[in-house]
Amino acid sequence: MTMACPSLNRTAWPRLMRAATAAAYVDERSVDAFRRAIGKLWPEPLRVPGKGERWLKDDLDEAIETATGRKSEIKDAADVL
């Protein structure tokens, strides 16, 4: 059974994400599609004790940069100040 990604209208994404949130963040069609691409396109999750699998936003951003060949030089406000 394919789980659809929840429709999220976010202006700020959490730094640590569950699979559904991470799938929505990278705009995968479903959580299942996101999970199938782990280790190929998307990074392996962290295992947080008592919380299960979580993906770091920074790791997802890095995977996007690798996939697209585009690297953002600005990582946070300190880079421009």
Protein backbone atom coordinates (compact mmCIF):
# COMPACT_ATOMS: atom_id res chain seq x y z
CA MET A 1 0.00 0.00 0.00
CA THR A 2 1.40 3.38 -0.98
CA MET A 3 1.26 6.13 1.59
CA ALA A 4 0.73 9.57 0.12
CA CYS A 5 2.84 12.41 1.45
CA PRO A 6 0.92 14.75 3.67
CA SER A 7 0.23 18.13 2.17
CA LEU A 8 2.40 20.43 4.22
CA ASN A 9 2.33 24.17 3.96
CA ARG A 10 5.50 25.04 5.80
CA THR A 11 7.49 28.20 5.89
CA ALA A 12 10.04 26.65 8.24
CA TRP A 13 10.96 22.97 8.10
CA PRO A 14 12.09 21.13 11.23
CA ARG A 15 15.77 20.27 11.41
CA LEU A 16 14.96 16.64 12.27
CA MET A 17 12.19 14.96 10.24
CA ARG A 18 10.17 11.77 10.27
CA ALA A 19 9.85 9.88 6.97
CA ALA A 20 6.58 11.55 5.95
CA THR A 21 7.96 15.03 6.61
CA ALA A 22 11.24 14.27 4.83
CA ALA A 23 9.36 12.85 1.83
CA ALA A 24 7.25 16.00 1.63
CA TYR A 25 10.35 18.20 2.02
CA VAL A 26 12.04 16.62 -1.02
CA ASP A 27 8.69 16.45 -2.87
CA GLU A 28 8.59 12.67 -3.33
CA ARG A 29 5.28 11.28 -4.58
CA SER A 30 4.88 9.12 -1.49
CA VAL A 31 6.61 7.97 1.66
CA ASP A 32 7.11 4.59 -0.02
CA ALA A 33 8.87 6.25 -2.98
CA PHE A 34 11.07 8.17 -0.54
CA ARG A 35 11.95 4.98 1.34
CA ARG A 36 12.79 3.14 -1.90
CA ALA A 37 15.33 5.86 -2.76
CA ILE A 38 17.12 5.74 0.62
CA GLY A 39 20.77 4.90 0.09
CA LYS A 40 20.52 5.75 -3.61
CA LEU A 41 19.24 9.32 -3.77
CA TRP A 42 18.30 10.10 -0.18
CA PRO A 43 20.51 9.61 2.89
CA GLU A 44 20.15 6.87 5.46
CA PRO A 45 18.17 7.96 8.51
CA LEU A 46 19.55 8.58 11.96
CA ARG A 47 18.23 6.29 14.68
CA VAL A 48 17.08 8.48 17.58
CA PRO A 49 16.57 6.49 20.80
CA GLY A 50 12.90 6.39 21.70
CA LYS A 51 11.92 8.20 18.49
CA GLY A 52 12.94 5.89 15.65
CA GLU A 53 14.18 7.01 12.25
CA ARG A 54 14.79 10.68 11.57
CA TRP A 55 16.39 12.61 8.70
CA LEU A 56 18.43 15.76 9.19
CA LYS A 57 17.39 18.66 6.98
CA ASP A 58 21.08 19.37 6.29
CA ASP A 59 21.58 15.80 5.02
CA LEU A 60 18.57 16.09 2.71
CA ASP A 61 19.81 19.46 1.42
CA GLU A 62 23.22 17.93 0.72
CA ALA A 63 21.60 15.04 -1.18
CA ILE A 64 19.66 17.55 -3.29
CA GLU A 65 22.85 19.48 -4.02
CA THR A 66 24.63 16.27 -5.02
CA ALA A 67 21.75 15.15 -7.26
CA THR A 68 21.44 18.50 -9.02
CA GLY A 69 25.10 19.46 -9.12
CA ARG A 70 24.21 22.76 -7.47
CA LYS A 71 25.82 23.72 -4.24
CA SER A 72 24.54 26.50 -2.07
CA GLU A 73 27.36 28.60 -0.71
CA ILE A 74 25.14 30.08 1.99
CA LYS A 75 24.31 27.65 4.81
CA ASP A 76 23.21 30.10 7.48
CA ALA A 77 23.02 33.80 8.30
CA ALA A 78 26.61 33.82 9.60
CA ASP A 79 27.80 33.11 6.04
CA VAL A 80 26.48 36.49 4.84
CA LEU A 81 27.32 38.62 7.87
